[in-house]
């Protein structure tokens, strides 16, 4: 039987105890994960939110700020990842949003700013990547790092003042399509 996890309106702030200090850690070895409502993960010693799922992950209205590692770290063995609503990843000590998945990844309305490493770090095995209405500025590495054997499309995005590239798509095997995307003052260049 598939064991899906469904949660709504989660708040996890200031977890700094011994051992695992993620704000929330979710694990499903036979199903997917859905977070609905508004979800906040702030000032946790490790990841704000860590998900390890077998199938699809769907999140809405996530705010992950000031965490000691990734704001949100998602792994999906056989599924894809979708973010809807308004999503903010700011001032995290690793990546703002890190995703390792098997199939398609779709991110809508994401702001990833001021993270120590990448604002957005995406790696999918066989799927396409679609980013829509994304701002990834002032990150310590790339604004967005994308890797897939498929295609990547970015619609309405701003990638400025990142230490390395605005968009690092050097590991996108298919096509890279940019529509209404602006760049500025990225240390290694606008995109690779």
N, C-alpha and C. Protein backbone atom coordinates (compact mmCIF):
# COMPACT_ATOMS: atom_id res chain seq x y z
N UNK A 1 0.84 -1.19 0.00
CA UNK A 1 0.00 0.00 0.00
C UNK A 1 0.88 1.24 0.00
N UNK A 2 0.44 2.27 -0.74
CA UNK A 2 1.16 3.54 -0.72
C UNK A 2 0.86 4.27 0.59
N UNK A 3 1.90 4.75 1.20
CA UNK A 3 1.76 5.50 2.44
C UNK A 3 2.10 6.96 2.16
N UNK A 4 1.09 7.73 1.76
CA UNK A 4 1.27 9.14 1.48
C UNK A 4 1.20 9.94 2.77
N UNK A 5 1.92 11.06 2.79
CA UNK A 5 1.88 11.98 3.92
C UNK A 5 1.20 13.26 3.46
N UNK A 6 0.20 13.71 4.22
CA UNK A 6 -0.50 14.96 3.92
C UNK A 6 -0.51 15.81 5.19
N UNK A 7 0.06 17.01 5.11
CA UNK A 7 0.07 17.93 6.24
C UNK A 7 -0.36 19.31 5.77
N UNK A 8 -0.88 20.10 6.70
CA UNK A 8 -1.37 21.44 6.36
C UNK A 8 -1.01 22.42 7.45
N UNK A 9 -0.55 23.61 7.04
CA UNK A 9 -0.26 24.72 7.96
C UNK A 9 0.74 24.32 9.05
N UNK A 10 1.94 23.99 8.62
CA UNK A 10 3.00 23.56 9.54
C UNK A 10 3.90 24.74 9.89
N UNK A 11 4.24 24.87 11.16
CA UNK A 11 5.23 25.84 11.61
C UNK A 11 6.27 25.10 12.44
N UNK A 12 7.54 25.28 12.06
CA UNK A 12 8.65 24.65 12.81
C UNK A 12 9.80 25.65 12.86
N UNK A 13 9.98 26.27 14.01
CA UNK A 13 10.99 27.31 14.17
C UNK A 13 11.88 27.01 15.37
N UNK A 14 13.15 27.42 15.26
CA UNK A 14 14.09 27.43 16.39
C UNK A 14 14.36 26.06 16.99
N UNK A 15 14.45 25.02 16.18
CA UNK A 15 14.85 23.69 16.67
C UNK A 15 16.37 23.60 16.64
N UNK A 16 16.95 23.51 17.81
CA UNK A 16 18.41 23.55 17.95
C UNK A 16 18.93 22.52 18.93
N UNK A 17 18.21 21.43 19.14
CA UNK A 17 18.61 20.43 20.12
C UNK A 17 19.71 19.52 19.62
N UNK A 18 20.14 18.63 20.47
CA UNK A 18 21.17 17.65 20.10
C UNK A 18 20.61 16.67 19.09
N UNK A 19 21.47 16.13 18.24
CA UNK A 19 21.03 15.17 17.22
C UNK A 19 20.47 15.90 16.02
N UNK A 20 19.41 15.37 15.44
CA UNK A 20 18.79 15.97 14.25
C UNK A 20 18.04 17.23 14.64
N UNK A 21 18.46 18.35 14.08
CA UNK A 21 17.81 19.62 14.40
C UNK A 21 17.14 20.24 13.18
N UNK A 22 16.59 19.37 12.29
CA UNK A 22 15.75 19.88 11.21
C UNK A 22 14.48 20.44 11.83
N UNK A 23 13.89 21.42 11.15
CA UNK A 23 12.59 21.89 11.61
C UNK A 23 11.58 20.76 11.55
N UNK A 24 11.46 20.13 10.37
CA UNK A 24 10.60 18.97 10.16
C UNK A 24 11.31 18.02 9.21
N UNK A 25 11.24 16.72 9.50
CA UNK A 25 11.77 15.70 8.61
C UNK A 25 10.66 14.70 8.31
N UNK A 26 10.34 14.53 7.02
CA UNK A 26 9.27 13.63 6.59
C UNK A 26 9.85 12.52 5.72
N UNK A 27 9.41 11.27 5.99
CA UNK A 27 9.94 10.12 5.25
C UNK A 27 8.80 9.18 4.87
N UNK A 28 8.70 8.86 3.58
CA UNK A 28 7.73 7.87 3.11
C UNK A 28 8.42 6.98 2.09
N UNK A 29 8.59 5.69 2.43
CA UNK A 29 9.30 4.79 1.52
C UNK A 29 8.39 4.15 0.48
N UNK A 30 7.08 4.50 0.48
CA UNK A 30 6.19 3.91 -0.51
C UNK A 30 5.15 4.89 -1.05
N UNK A 31 5.28 6.16 -0.71
CA UNK A 31 4.28 7.13 -1.15
C UNK A 31 4.88 8.50 -1.38
N UNK A 32 3.99 9.49 -1.48
CA UNK A 32 4.40 10.86 -1.72
C UNK A 32 4.15 11.74 -0.51
N UNK A 33 4.45 13.03 -0.67
CA UNK A 33 4.28 14.00 0.41
C UNK A 33 3.58 15.23 -0.15
N UNK A 34 2.56 15.71 0.57
CA UNK A 34 1.87 16.96 0.23
C UNK A 34 1.83 17.85 1.46
N UNK A 35 2.26 19.10 1.29
CA UNK A 35 2.09 20.14 2.31
C UNK A 35 1.18 21.20 1.73
N UNK A 36 0.01 21.38 2.35
CA UNK A 36 -0.97 22.36 1.89
C UNK A 36 -1.01 23.53 2.88
N UNK A 37 -1.76 24.54 2.54
CA UNK A 37 -1.89 25.69 3.43
C UNK A 37 -0.65 26.56 3.38
N UNK A 38 -0.28 27.10 4.54
CA UNK A 38 0.90 27.95 4.68
C UNK A 38 1.86 27.27 5.64
N UNK A 39 3.14 27.17 5.24
CA UNK A 39 4.11 26.37 5.99
C UNK A 39 5.39 27.17 6.20
N UNK A 40 5.82 27.27 7.46
CA UNK A 40 6.93 28.14 7.84
C UNK A 40 7.99 27.34 8.59
N UNK A 41 9.26 27.53 8.16
CA UNK A 41 10.40 26.82 8.77
C UNK A 41 11.52 27.85 8.93
N UNK A 42 11.75 28.30 10.17
CA UNK A 42 12.70 29.38 10.39
C UNK A 42 13.67 29.06 11.52
N UNK A 43 14.92 29.46 11.29
CA UNK A 43 15.96 29.46 12.32
C UNK A 43 16.17 28.10 12.98
N UNK A 44 16.11 27.03 12.19
CA UNK A 44 16.43 25.70 12.68
C UNK A 44 17.92 25.43 12.47
N UNK A 45 18.53 24.63 13.33
CA UNK A 45 19.97 24.41 13.27
C UNK A 45 20.40 23.67 12.01
N UNK A 46 19.55 22.77 11.49
CA UNK A 46 19.86 22.04 10.27
C UNK A 46 18.91 22.52 9.16
N UNK A 47 18.35 21.61 8.37
CA UNK A 47 17.40 21.99 7.32
C UNK A 47 16.10 22.51 7.95
N UNK A 48 15.48 23.47 7.29
CA UNK A 48 14.16 23.90 7.74
C UNK A 48 13.15 22.77 7.55
N UNK A 49 13.17 22.16 6.36
CA UNK A 49 12.28 21.04 6.03
C UNK A 49 13.08 20.06 5.20
N UNK A 50 13.06 18.79 5.60
CA UNK A 50 13.70 17.73 4.83
C UNK A 50 12.66 16.67 4.49
N UNK A 51 12.56 16.33 3.19
CA UNK A 51 11.60 15.33 2.73
C UNK A 51 12.34 14.25 1.97
N UNK A 52 12.06 12.99 2.33
CA UNK A 52 12.57 11.84 1.58
C UNK A 52 11.35 11.00 1.23
N UNK A 53 10.94 11.05 -0.04
CA UNK A 53 9.70 10.39 -0.47
C UNK A 53 9.98 9.40 -1.58
N UNK A 54 9.09 8.44 -1.74
CA UNK A 54 9.20 7.49 -2.84
C UNK A 54 8.62 8.07 -4.12
N UNK A 55 7.50 8.78 -4.02
CA UNK A 55 6.85 9.30 -5.23
C UNK A 55 6.73 10.83 -5.17
N UNK A 56 5.68 11.40 -5.74
CA UNK A 56 5.58 12.84 -5.94
C UNK A 56 5.54 13.64 -4.64
N UNK A 57 6.13 14.85 -4.71
CA UNK A 57 6.11 15.80 -3.61
C UNK A 57 5.46 17.08 -4.11
N UNK A 58 4.45 17.57 -3.38
CA UNK A 58 3.76 18.81 -3.73
C UNK A 58 3.71 19.70 -2.50
N UNK A 59 4.24 20.92 -2.64
CA UNK A 59 4.26 21.87 -1.53
C UNK A 59 3.59 23.16 -1.96
N UNK A 60 2.98 23.84 -1.00
CA UNK A 60 2.42 25.16 -1.29
C UNK A 60 2.76 26.13 -0.17
N UNK A 61 3.02 27.37 -0.57
CA UNK A 61 3.22 28.48 0.37
C UNK A 61 4.23 28.12 1.46
N UNK A 62 5.47 27.91 1.03
CA UNK A 62 6.54 27.56 1.96
C UNK A 62 7.43 28.77 2.18
N UNK A 63 7.71 29.06 3.45
CA UNK A 63 8.71 30.07 3.80
C UNK A 63 9.77 29.40 4.67
N UNK A 64 11.02 29.40 4.17
CA UNK A 64 12.13 28.78 4.90
C UNK A 64 13.27 29.80 4.96
N UNK A 65 13.50 30.35 6.14
CA UNK A 65 14.48 31.42 6.29
C UNK A 65 15.38 31.18 7.49
N UNK A 66 16.65 31.55 7.32
CA UNK A 66 17.60 31.54 8.43
C UNK A 66 17.92 30.19 9.01
N UNK A 67 17.82 29.14 8.22
CA UNK A 67 18.14 27.79 8.71
C UNK A 67 19.63 27.50 8.55
N UNK A 68 20.16 26.61 9.39
CA UNK A 68 21.60 26.34 9.45
C UNK A 68 22.12 25.49 8.31
N UNK A 69 21.25 24.84 7.55
CA UNK A 69 21.64 24.12 6.34
C UNK A 69 20.70 24.57 5.22
N UNK A 70 20.10 23.64 4.46
CA UNK A 70 19.16 24.04 3.41
C UNK A 70 17.88 24.59 4.01
N UNK A 71 17.27 25.54 3.30
CA UNK A 71 15.94 25.97 3.72
C UNK A 71 14.98 24.80 3.60
N UNK A 72 14.93 24.19 2.40
CA UNK A 72 14.14 22.98 2.15
C UNK A 72 14.99 22.03 1.31
N UNK A 73 15.02 20.77 1.70
CA UNK A 73 15.77 19.72 1.01
C UNK A 73 14.81 18.59 0.68
N UNK A 74 14.60 18.33 -0.63
CA UNK A 74 13.62 17.33 -1.07
C UNK A 74 14.31 16.26 -1.89
N UNK A 75 13.98 15.00 -1.58
CA UNK A 75 14.47 13.85 -2.36
C UNK A 75 13.27 12.98 -2.72
N UNK A 76 13.14 12.63 -4.00
CA UNK A 76 12.06 11.74 -4.44
C UNK A 76 12.66 10.63 -5.29
N UNK A 77 12.49 9.37 -4.83
CA UNK A 77 13.06 8.21 -5.52
C UNK A 77 12.53 8.03 -6.93
N UNK A 78 11.20 8.18 -7.11
CA UNK A 78 10.60 7.84 -8.40
C UNK A 78 9.63 8.89 -8.92
N UNK A 79 9.47 9.99 -8.21
CA UNK A 79 8.47 10.98 -8.60
C UNK A 79 9.07 12.32 -8.95
N UNK A 80 8.17 13.29 -9.08
CA UNK A 80 8.55 14.66 -9.36
C UNK A 80 8.23 15.56 -8.20
N UNK A 81 8.47 16.85 -8.39
CA UNK A 81 8.26 17.84 -7.33
C UNK A 81 7.55 19.05 -7.93
N UNK A 82 6.52 19.55 -7.21
CA UNK A 82 5.79 20.75 -7.61
C UNK A 82 5.67 21.70 -6.43
N UNK A 83 5.97 22.97 -6.65
CA UNK A 83 5.74 24.02 -5.65
C UNK A 83 4.74 25.01 -6.23
N UNK A 84 3.69 25.30 -5.44
CA UNK A 84 2.67 26.26 -5.82
C UNK A 84 2.53 27.31 -4.73
N UNK A 85 1.73 28.31 -5.00
CA UNK A 85 1.54 29.37 -4.01
C UNK A 85 2.70 30.34 -4.04
N UNK A 86 3.02 30.93 -2.90
CA UNK A 86 4.12 31.87 -2.76
C UNK A 86 5.19 31.20 -1.89
N UNK A 87 6.41 31.09 -2.42
CA UNK A 87 7.46 30.33 -1.73
C UNK A 87 8.71 31.19 -1.57
N UNK A 88 9.21 31.27 -0.33
CA UNK A 88 10.35 32.14 -0.01
C UNK A 88 11.43 31.31 0.67
N UNK A 89 12.66 31.43 0.15
CA UNK A 89 13.83 30.74 0.70
C UNK A 89 14.92 31.80 0.85
N UNK A 90 15.17 32.23 2.07
CA UNK A 90 16.03 33.39 2.29
C UNK A 90 17.00 33.17 3.45
N UNK A 91 18.25 33.55 3.22
CA UNK A 91 19.23 33.60 4.30
C UNK A 91 19.54 32.26 4.94
N UNK A 92 19.50 31.17 4.17
CA UNK A 92 19.85 29.86 4.70
C UNK A 92 21.35 29.61 4.51
N UNK A 93 21.95 28.82 5.39
CA UNK A 93 23.40 28.64 5.40
C UNK A 93 23.91 27.65 4.36
N UNK A 94 23.02 27.01 3.61
CA UNK A 94 23.40 26.14 2.49
C UNK A 94 22.55 26.61 1.30
N UNK A 95 21.87 25.72 0.61
CA UNK A 95 20.98 26.13 -0.48
C UNK A 95 19.65 26.62 0.08
N UNK A 96 19.02 27.54 -0.64
CA UNK A 96 17.68 27.93 -0.26
C UNK A 96 16.70 26.78 -0.45
N UNK A 97 16.73 26.18 -1.66
CA UNK A 97 15.88 25.06 -2.01
C UNK A 97 16.72 24.05 -2.78
N UNK A 98 16.81 22.83 -2.27
CA UNK A 98 17.54 21.76 -2.96
C UNK A 98 16.58 20.63 -3.27
N UNK A 99 16.57 20.19 -4.54
CA UNK A 99 15.68 19.11 -4.98
C UNK A 99 16.48 18.08 -5.77
N UNK A 100 16.36 16.82 -5.37
CA UNK A 100 16.89 15.67 -6.13
C UNK A 100 15.69 14.77 -6.38
N UNK A 101 15.31 14.62 -7.66
CA UNK A 101 14.10 13.86 -7.98
C UNK A 101 14.34 12.99 -9.21
N UNK A 102 13.33 12.20 -9.54
CA UNK A 102 13.43 11.29 -10.68
C UNK A 102 12.76 11.86 -11.92
N UNK A 103 11.63 12.56 -11.76
CA UNK A 103 10.89 13.03 -12.93
C UNK A 103 10.70 14.55 -12.88
N UNK A 104 9.64 15.06 -13.48
CA UNK A 104 9.46 16.50 -13.70
C UNK A 104 9.46 17.33 -12.42
N UNK A 105 10.04 18.52 -12.54
CA UNK A 105 10.06 19.48 -11.44
C UNK A 105 9.47 20.79 -11.94
N UNK A 106 8.42 21.29 -11.23
CA UNK A 106 7.76 22.53 -11.60
C UNK A 106 7.71 23.43 -10.37
N UNK A 107 8.32 24.60 -10.50
CA UNK A 107 8.33 25.57 -9.40
C UNK A 107 7.62 26.84 -9.84
N UNK A 108 6.64 27.27 -9.06
CA UNK A 108 5.88 28.49 -9.34
C UNK A 108 6.05 29.47 -8.19
N UNK A 109 6.30 30.74 -8.54
CA UNK A 109 6.34 31.81 -7.55
C UNK A 109 7.33 31.53 -6.43
N UNK A 110 8.61 31.51 -6.81
CA UNK A 110 9.69 31.23 -5.86
C UNK A 110 10.62 32.43 -5.77
N UNK A 111 10.94 32.81 -4.53
CA UNK A 111 11.94 33.85 -4.26
C UNK A 111 13.04 33.21 -3.40
N UNK A 112 14.25 33.13 -3.97
CA UNK A 112 15.39 32.53 -3.26
C UNK A 112 16.51 33.55 -3.23
N UNK A 113 16.71 34.18 -2.08
CA UNK A 113 17.66 35.29 -1.99
C UNK A 113 18.53 35.16 -0.75
N UNK A 114 19.78 35.60 -0.90
CA UNK A 114 20.68 35.71 0.24
C UNK A 114 21.06 34.40 0.90
N UNK A 115 21.04 33.31 0.15
CA UNK A 115 21.47 32.02 0.70
C UNK A 115 22.99 31.87 0.50
N UNK A 116 23.64 31.14 1.39
CA UNK A 116 25.10 31.03 1.36
C UNK A 116 25.58 30.28 0.12
N UNK A 117 24.86 29.25 -0.30
CA UNK A 117 25.23 28.52 -1.52
C UNK A 117 24.25 28.87 -2.63
N UNK A 118 23.66 27.89 -3.32
CA UNK A 118 22.71 28.20 -4.41
C UNK A 118 21.37 28.67 -3.86
N UNK A 119 20.74 29.58 -4.60
CA UNK A 119 19.37 29.92 -4.25
C UNK A 119 18.46 28.73 -4.48
N UNK A 120 18.58 28.13 -5.68
CA UNK A 120 17.81 26.94 -6.07
C UNK A 120 18.78 25.94 -6.67
N UNK A 121 18.73 24.69 -6.21
CA UNK A 121 19.62 23.63 -6.70
C UNK A 121 18.73 22.45 -7.07
N UNK A 122 18.62 22.16 -8.39
CA UNK A 122 17.71 21.12 -8.88
C UNK A 122 18.47 20.08 -9.68
N UNK A 123 18.23 18.81 -9.36
CA UNK A 123 18.81 17.70 -10.11
C UNK A 123 17.72 16.65 -10.29
N UNK A 124 17.34 16.38 -11.55
CA UNK A 124 16.34 15.35 -11.82
C UNK A 124 16.88 14.39 -12.87
N UNK A 125 16.54 13.12 -12.73
CA UNK A 125 17.13 12.08 -13.57
C UNK A 125 16.59 12.15 -14.99
N UNK A 126 15.27 12.07 -15.17
CA UNK A 126 14.70 11.98 -16.52
C UNK A 126 13.66 13.05 -16.83
N UNK A 127 13.36 13.91 -15.91
CA UNK A 127 12.26 14.85 -16.11
C UNK A 127 12.69 16.18 -16.68
N UNK A 128 11.69 16.99 -17.01
CA UNK A 128 11.90 18.37 -17.41
C UNK A 128 11.78 19.28 -16.19
N UNK A 129 12.43 20.44 -16.28
CA UNK A 129 12.39 21.44 -15.22
C UNK A 129 11.68 22.68 -15.77
N UNK A 130 10.67 23.17 -15.02
CA UNK A 130 9.99 24.40 -15.40
C UNK A 130 9.97 25.33 -14.18
N UNK A 131 10.52 26.52 -14.35
CA UNK A 131 10.49 27.55 -13.31
C UNK A 131 9.67 28.71 -13.84
N UNK A 132 8.69 29.16 -13.05
CA UNK A 132 7.82 30.25 -13.47
C UNK A 132 7.73 31.29 -12.35
N UNK A 133 7.96 32.55 -12.69
CA UNK A 133 7.93 33.63 -11.71
C UNK A 133 8.91 33.37 -10.57
N UNK A 134 10.19 33.39 -10.93
CA UNK A 134 11.26 33.07 -9.98
C UNK A 134 12.19 34.26 -9.84
N UNK A 135 12.56 34.56 -8.61
CA UNK A 135 13.60 35.54 -8.30
C UNK A 135 14.68 34.82 -7.52
N UNK A 136 15.91 34.85 -8.03
CA UNK A 136 17.04 34.21 -7.33
C UNK A 136 18.22 35.18 -7.37
N UNK A 137 18.31 36.03 -6.35
CA UNK A 137 19.30 37.10 -6.29
C UNK A 137 20.15 36.98 -5.03
N UNK A 138 21.38 37.52 -5.14
CA UNK A 138 22.27 37.69 -3.98
C UNK A 138 22.59 36.38 -3.27
N UNK A 139 22.77 35.31 -4.02
CA UNK A 139 23.16 34.03 -3.42
C UNK A 139 24.67 33.83 -3.54
N UNK A 140 25.24 33.05 -2.62
CA UNK A 140 26.69 32.89 -2.54
C UNK A 140 27.29 32.03 -3.63
N UNK A 141 26.49 31.25 -4.33
CA UNK A 141 26.95 30.48 -5.49
C UNK A 141 26.06 30.86 -6.67
N UNK A 142 25.35 29.91 -7.28
CA UNK A 142 24.47 30.21 -8.41
C UNK A 142 23.10 30.67 -7.93
N UNK A 143 22.47 31.53 -8.72
CA UNK A 143 21.07 31.84 -8.44
C UNK A 143 20.23 30.57 -8.55
N UNK A 144 20.40 29.86 -9.68
CA UNK A 144 19.75 28.56 -9.88
C UNK A 144 20.73 27.62 -10.56
N UNK A 145 20.90 26.45 -9.99
CA UNK A 145 21.69 25.38 -10.60
C UNK A 145 20.71 24.32 -11.07
N UNK A 146 20.76 23.96 -12.36
CA UNK A 146 19.82 23.01 -12.95
C UNK A 146 20.57 21.86 -13.60
N UNK A 147 20.13 20.62 -13.32
CA UNK A 147 20.73 19.44 -13.95
C UNK A 147 19.62 18.46 -14.29
N UNK A 148 19.57 18.03 -15.58
CA UNK A 148 18.57 17.06 -16.01
C UNK A 148 18.99 16.47 -17.35
N UNK A 149 18.52 15.25 -17.63
CA UNK A 149 18.69 14.68 -18.97
C UNK A 149 17.63 15.22 -19.92
N UNK A 150 16.64 15.94 -19.38
CA UNK A 150 15.57 16.53 -20.17
C UNK A 150 15.82 17.99 -20.49
N UNK A 151 14.74 18.77 -20.57
CA UNK A 151 14.78 20.18 -20.92
C UNK A 151 14.53 21.05 -19.69
N UNK A 152 14.96 22.31 -19.78
CA UNK A 152 14.70 23.29 -18.72
C UNK A 152 14.09 24.54 -19.34
N UNK A 153 13.01 25.03 -18.73
CA UNK A 153 12.33 26.23 -19.20
C UNK A 153 12.15 27.19 -18.02
N UNK A 154 12.52 28.45 -18.24
CA UNK A 154 12.32 29.47 -17.21
C UNK A 154 11.49 30.59 -17.82
N UNK A 155 10.35 30.89 -17.19
CA UNK A 155 9.42 31.90 -17.66
C UNK A 155 9.26 32.95 -16.57
N UNK A 156 9.57 34.20 -16.90
CA UNK A 156 9.46 35.30 -15.94
C UNK A 156 10.37 35.07 -14.75
N UNK A 157 11.63 35.42 -14.90
CA UNK A 157 12.60 35.24 -13.82
C UNK A 157 13.58 36.38 -13.73
N UNK A 158 14.12 36.57 -12.53
CA UNK A 158 15.17 37.55 -12.29
C UNK A 158 16.31 36.87 -11.55
N UNK A 159 17.53 37.01 -12.09
CA UNK A 159 18.71 36.36 -11.53
C UNK A 159 19.83 37.39 -11.50
N UNK A 160 20.03 38.02 -10.34
CA UNK A 160 20.98 39.12 -10.23
C UNK A 160 21.86 38.98 -8.98
N UNK A 161 23.07 39.51 -9.12
CA UNK A 161 23.99 39.67 -7.98
C UNK A 161 24.33 38.36 -7.28
N UNK A 162 24.40 37.28 -8.05
CA UNK A 162 24.86 36.00 -7.50
C UNK A 162 26.36 35.89 -7.68
N UNK A 163 27.06 35.22 -6.76
CA UNK A 163 28.51 35.14 -6.81
C UNK A 163 29.00 34.40 -8.04
N UNK A 164 28.32 33.33 -8.44
CA UNK A 164 28.70 32.59 -9.63
C UNK A 164 27.73 32.96 -10.77
N UNK A 165 27.00 32.00 -11.32
CA UNK A 165 26.09 32.28 -12.43
C UNK A 165 24.69 32.66 -11.94
N UNK A 166 24.00 33.44 -12.75
CA UNK A 166 22.58 33.64 -12.50
C UNK A 166 21.85 32.32 -12.63
N UNK A 167 22.07 31.64 -13.77
CA UNK A 167 21.54 30.29 -14.00
C UNK A 167 22.68 29.42 -14.48
N UNK A 168 22.97 28.35 -13.75
CA UNK A 168 23.97 27.38 -14.18
C UNK A 168 23.22 26.17 -14.73
N UNK A 169 23.15 26.10 -16.06
CA UNK A 169 22.45 25.00 -16.73
C UNK A 169 23.43 24.14 -17.51
N UNK A 170 24.69 24.12 -17.07
CA UNK A 170 25.73 23.37 -17.78
C UNK A 170 25.46 21.87 -17.79
N UNK A 171 24.61 21.38 -16.88
CA UNK A 171 24.27 19.96 -16.83
C UNK A 171 22.83 19.69 -17.26
N UNK A 172 22.30 20.54 -18.14
CA UNK A 172 21.00 20.29 -18.78
C UNK A 172 21.30 19.69 -20.14
N UNK A 173 20.94 18.40 -20.32
CA UNK A 173 21.27 17.71 -21.57
C UNK A 173 20.39 18.15 -22.73
N UNK A 174 19.14 18.52 -22.46
CA UNK A 174 18.23 18.96 -23.51
C UNK A 174 18.35 20.45 -23.74
N UNK A 175 17.25 21.08 -24.12
CA UNK A 175 17.27 22.51 -24.42
C UNK A 175 17.05 23.36 -23.17
N UNK A 176 17.58 24.58 -23.21
CA UNK A 176 17.32 25.59 -22.19
C UNK A 176 16.54 26.71 -22.86
N UNK A 177 15.33 26.99 -22.36
CA UNK A 177 14.47 28.04 -22.92
C UNK A 177 14.26 29.10 -21.87
N UNK A 178 14.56 30.35 -22.23
CA UNK A 178 14.38 31.48 -21.33
C UNK A 178 13.39 32.46 -21.95
N UNK A 179 12.32 32.79 -21.21
CA UNK A 179 11.30 33.73 -21.68
C UNK A 179 11.09 34.78 -20.60
N UNK A 180 11.28 36.04 -20.94
CA UNK A 180 11.09 37.17 -20.01
C UNK A 180 11.95 36.98 -18.76
N UNK A 181 13.24 36.76 -18.99
CA UNK A 181 14.19 36.55 -17.90
C UNK A 181 15.19 37.70 -17.91
N UNK A 182 15.48 38.26 -16.74
CA UNK A 182 16.47 39.34 -16.64
C UNK A 182 17.63 38.92 -15.75
N UNK A 183 18.79 39.47 -16.10
CA UNK A 183 20.04 39.16 -15.39
C UNK A 183 20.75 40.46 -15.06
N UNK A 184 21.71 40.36 -14.12
CA UNK A 184 22.57 41.50 -13.84
C UNK A 184 23.59 41.20 -12.78
N UNK A 185 24.84 41.56 -13.04
CA UNK A 185 25.92 41.53 -12.05
C UNK A 185 26.13 40.16 -11.41
N UNK A 186 26.06 39.08 -12.20
CA UNK A 186 26.40 37.76 -11.69
C UNK A 186 27.89 37.52 -11.92
N UNK A 187 28.60 37.06 -10.90
CA UNK A 187 30.05 37.01 -10.92
C UNK A 187 30.67 36.22 -12.05
N UNK A 188 30.10 35.05 -12.39
CA UNK A 188 30.66 34.20 -13.44
C UNK A 188 29.95 34.39 -14.78
N UNK A 189 28.88 35.16 -14.80
CA UNK A 189 28.12 35.39 -16.03
C UNK A 189 26.64 35.14 -15.78
N UNK A 190 25.84 35.53 -16.74
CA UNK A 190 24.40 35.42 -16.58
C UNK A 190 23.93 33.97 -16.56
N UNK A 191 24.40 33.17 -17.54
CA UNK A 191 24.04 31.75 -17.54
C UNK A 191 25.11 30.95 -18.24
N UNK A 192 25.16 29.67 -17.90
CA UNK A 192 26.13 28.75 -18.47
C UNK A 192 25.37 27.53 -18.96
